[in-house]
Amino acid sequence: MAKNKKEKKKVAKEESEENVATSLNDAFADDNDVEYAKAKPKKEKKDKKGKKGKNDGLEKELEEAEEEVEKIEKAVNSGEGISDVSIKASKPITKIKKGDKIEVDGKEYEVDQHYVLIDHGITKEMAIELFDKDDKDYQIRYFNDQIETTIEFYELQEIMFIKKRISKVEW
């Protein structure tokens, strides 16, 4: 029995030596004839003056943002994008609730819901969910501090709301 225990220990020791993980150095010890690819050199970006800069990504984002601001300013100054929808209100738009009727370009819709779509902090983008007699869905969207210039009308098609041109809204 003692002999059996010694043999078992010896076999177990041999098995454990076979399962020992090799170090990286041992694993790659015999790769002297292998040639590995060289790392690509890191490109250094230069700013407008030709100097190498660390914040090129931030500078590029800033330039893009400035260009976007310029486009918006041009649009505002030219009157582009400003709504020319005539609004006839029997009560403040904030008082519109479920069940109220809204007429858009002569067609009557019923209010399903009135809620804040996005809260931008100083202003809120609002949405009024509407449906017609055929049970098609629509939305009126506006910013609560600029209703006359930002009011827009959307029709639900498939899974997206598509903006529609309108000229008159009444409630």
Protein backbone atom coordinates (compact mmCIF):
# COMPACT_ATOMS: atom_id res chain seq x y z
CA MET A 1 0.00 0.00 0.00
CA ALA A 2 2.88 2.35 0.79
CA LYS A 3 4.31 1.62 -2.62
CA ASN A 4 0.99 2.56 -4.19
CA LYS A 5 0.97 5.93 -2.41
CA LYS A 6 4.54 6.68 -3.54
CA GLU A 7 3.69 5.80 -7.12
CA LYS A 8 0.57 7.96 -7.02
CA LYS A 9 2.55 10.94 -5.66
CA LYS A 10 5.24 10.47 -8.33
CA VAL A 11 2.63 10.34 -11.13
CA ALA A 12 0.83 13.38 -9.71
CA LYS A 13 4.13 15.30 -9.50
CA GLU A 14 4.99 14.47 -13.12
CA GLU A 15 1.53 15.55 -14.29
CA SER A 16 1.76 18.85 -12.41
CA GLU A 17 5.18 19.57 -13.94
CA GLU A 18 3.71 19.04 -17.42
CA ASN A 19 0.86 21.51 -16.74
CA VAL A 20 3.12 24.34 -15.55
CA ALA A 21 2.61 27.51 -17.57
CA THR A 22 5.63 28.79 -19.43
CA SER A 23 6.85 32.33 -19.11
CA LEU A 24 6.87 34.67 -22.10
CA ASN A 25 10.63 34.43 -22.29
CA ASP A 26 10.45 30.62 -22.43
CA ALA A 27 7.61 30.69 -24.93
CA PHE A 28 9.52 32.91 -27.37
CA ALA A 29 13.02 31.60 -26.57
CA ASP A 30 13.52 29.85 -29.88
CA ASP A 31 12.20 32.61 -32.21
CA ASN A 32 15.57 34.16 -33.08
CA ASP A 33 15.05 33.53 -36.80
CA VAL A 34 11.53 35.10 -36.79
CA GLU A 35 11.26 38.70 -38.03
CA TYR A 36 8.37 40.71 -36.64
CA ALA A 37 6.74 43.69 -38.36
CA LYS A 38 7.95 47.09 -37.24
CA ALA A 39 5.53 49.45 -35.51
CA LYS A 40 4.20 52.28 -37.63
CA PRO A 41 5.71 55.63 -36.74
CA LYS A 42 3.28 57.92 -34.94
CA LYS A 43 2.14 60.83 -37.10
CA GLU A 44 2.48 64.20 -35.48
CA LYS A 45 -0.17 66.72 -36.41
CA LYS A 46 0.69 70.32 -37.09
CA ASP A 47 -1.43 73.38 -36.40
CA LYS A 48 -2.08 76.20 -38.91
CA LYS A 49 1.31 77.77 -38.22
CA GLY A 50 3.12 74.50 -38.93
CA LYS A 51 3.88 73.81 -35.29
CA LYS A 52 3.24 70.43 -33.76
CA GLY A 53 0.24 70.61 -31.43
CA LYS A 54 -1.16 68.44 -28.68
CA ASN A 55 -4.74 69.74 -28.82
CA ASP A 56 -5.36 69.37 -32.54
CA GLY A 57 -8.57 67.39 -31.99
CA LEU A 58 -9.99 70.10 -29.75
CA GLU A 59 -8.94 72.83 -32.17
CA LYS A 60 -10.62 71.03 -35.05
CA GLU A 61 -13.85 70.65 -33.04
CA LEU A 62 -13.71 74.34 -32.13
CA GLU A 63 -13.30 75.32 -35.79
CA GLU A 64 -16.25 73.13 -36.79
CA ALA A 65 -18.40 74.62 -34.03
CA GLU A 66 -17.47 78.16 -35.12
CA GLU A 67 -18.41 77.33 -38.71
CA GLU A 68 -21.77 75.97 -37.54
CA VAL A 69 -22.42 79.15 -35.52
CA GLU A 70 -21.64 81.24 -38.61
CA LYS A 71 -24.14 79.21 -40.68
CA ILE A 72 -26.83 79.67 -38.04
CA GLU A 73 -26.16 83.41 -37.77
CA LYS A 74 -26.44 83.77 -41.57
CA ALA A 75 -29.73 81.84 -41.57
CA VAL A 76 -31.17 83.96 -38.75
CA ASN A 77 -30.07 87.23 -40.35
CA SER A 78 -31.56 86.24 -43.72
CA GLY A 79 -34.81 85.04 -42.13
CA GLU A 80 -34.23 81.49 -43.36
CA GLY A 81 -35.73 78.77 -41.19
CA ILE A 82 -38.09 81.15 -39.42
CA SER A 83 -41.65 79.90 -39.40
CA ASP A 84 -44.27 81.92 -41.27
CA VAL A 85 -47.19 80.03 -39.75
CA SER A 86 -50.17 82.09 -38.71
CA ILE A 87 -51.46 81.16 -35.26
CA LYS A 88 -54.99 81.84 -34.00
CA ALA A 89 -55.17 80.92 -30.31
CA SER A 90 -58.32 80.86 -28.20
CA LYS A 91 -56.21 80.10 -25.10
CA PRO A 92 -52.48 79.89 -24.22
CA ILE A 93 -50.74 76.95 -25.88
CA THR A 94 -49.65 75.72 -22.44
CA LYS A 95 -53.34 75.11 -21.58
CA ILE A 96 -53.88 72.68 -24.48
CA LYS A 97 -54.74 69.23 -23.13
CA LYS A 98 -55.99 65.82 -24.20
CA GLY A 99 -59.31 65.95 -26.03
CA ASP A 100 -58.89 69.54 -27.29
CA LYS A 101 -59.36 70.22 -31.00
CA ILE A 102 -56.65 71.83 -33.14
CA GLU A 103 -57.16 72.88 -36.74
CA VAL A 104 -54.16 72.82 -39.08
CA ASP A 105 -54.67 74.28 -42.58
CA GLY A 106 -58.42 73.71 -42.28
CA LYS A 107 -58.23 70.07 -41.13
CA GLU A 108 -59.35 69.19 -37.60
CA TYR A 109 -57.20 67.06 -35.26
CA GLU A 110 -57.71 65.89 -31.68
CA VAL A 111 -55.03 66.26 -29.01
CA ASP A 112 -53.82 62.98 -27.58
CA GLN A 113 -51.01 64.29 -25.38
CA HIS A 114 -49.06 67.50 -24.63
CA TYR A 115 -45.59 67.09 -23.11
CA VAL A 116 -41.97 68.25 -22.87
CA LEU A 117 -40.01 66.58 -25.66
CA ILE A 118 -36.57 67.88 -24.60
CA ASP A 119 -35.67 70.15 -21.68
CA HIS A 120 -32.79 72.35 -22.83
CA GLY A 121 -32.45 74.07 -19.46
CA ILE A 122 -33.40 77.65 -20.35
CA THR A 123 -36.07 76.55 -22.82
CA LYS A 124 -38.19 73.48 -23.41
CA GLU A 125 -38.95 71.77 -26.70
CA MET A 126 -42.61 70.82 -26.49
CA ALA A 127 -44.70 68.32 -28.45
CA ILE A 128 -48.43 68.03 -28.93
CA GLU A 129 -49.46 64.56 -30.14
CA LEU A 130 -52.47 64.68 -32.48
CA PHE A 131 -54.61 62.26 -34.44
CA ASP A 132 -57.26 62.70 -37.12
CA LYS A 133 -60.54 60.93 -37.84
CA ASP A 134 -58.61 58.25 -39.80
CA ASP A 135 -56.48 57.61 -36.68
CA LYS A 136 -53.26 58.83 -38.33
CA ASP A 137 -50.73 60.35 -35.91
CA TYR A 138 -49.24 63.84 -36.08
CA GLN A 139 -47.18 66.17 -33.90
CA ILE A 140 -46.90 69.88 -33.37
CA ARG A 141 -43.49 70.81 -31.99
CA TYR A 142 -42.39 74.18 -30.66
CA PHE A 143 -40.06 75.85 -28.18
CA ASN A 144 -42.02 77.25 -25.26
CA ASP A 145 -40.31 80.66 -25.36
CA GLN A 146 -40.58 81.19 -29.17
CA ILE A 147 -43.85 79.62 -30.24
CA GLU A 148 -44.56 81.87 -33.26
CA THR A 149 -41.14 81.36 -34.85
CA THR A 150 -40.53 77.69 -34.02
CA ILE A 151 -43.86 75.92 -34.46
CA GLU A 152 -43.60 72.88 -36.78
CA PHE A 153 -46.02 70.17 -37.90
CA TYR A 154 -45.04 66.50 -38.39
CA GLU A 155 -46.84 63.46 -39.79
CA LEU A 156 -45.99 59.93 -38.64
CA GLN A 157 -45.02 57.79 -41.63
CA GLU A 158 -44.02 54.20 -40.86
CA ILE A 159 -41.79 54.80 -37.82
CA MET A 160 -40.59 58.39 -38.39
CA PHE A 161 -42.19 61.79 -38.04
CA ILE A 162 -41.82 63.69 -41.33
CA LYS A 163 -42.00 67.50 -41.28
CA LYS A 164 -44.88 69.03 -43.27
CA ARG A 165 -45.27 72.61 -44.45
CA ILE A 166 -48.23 74.39 -42.92
CA SER A 167 -49.54 77.93 -43.02
CA LYS A 168 -52.25 78.18 -40.35
CA VAL A 169 -52.85 76.65 -36.90
CA GLU A 170 -55.93 77.31 -34.75
CA TRP A 171 -57.06 76.14 -31.33
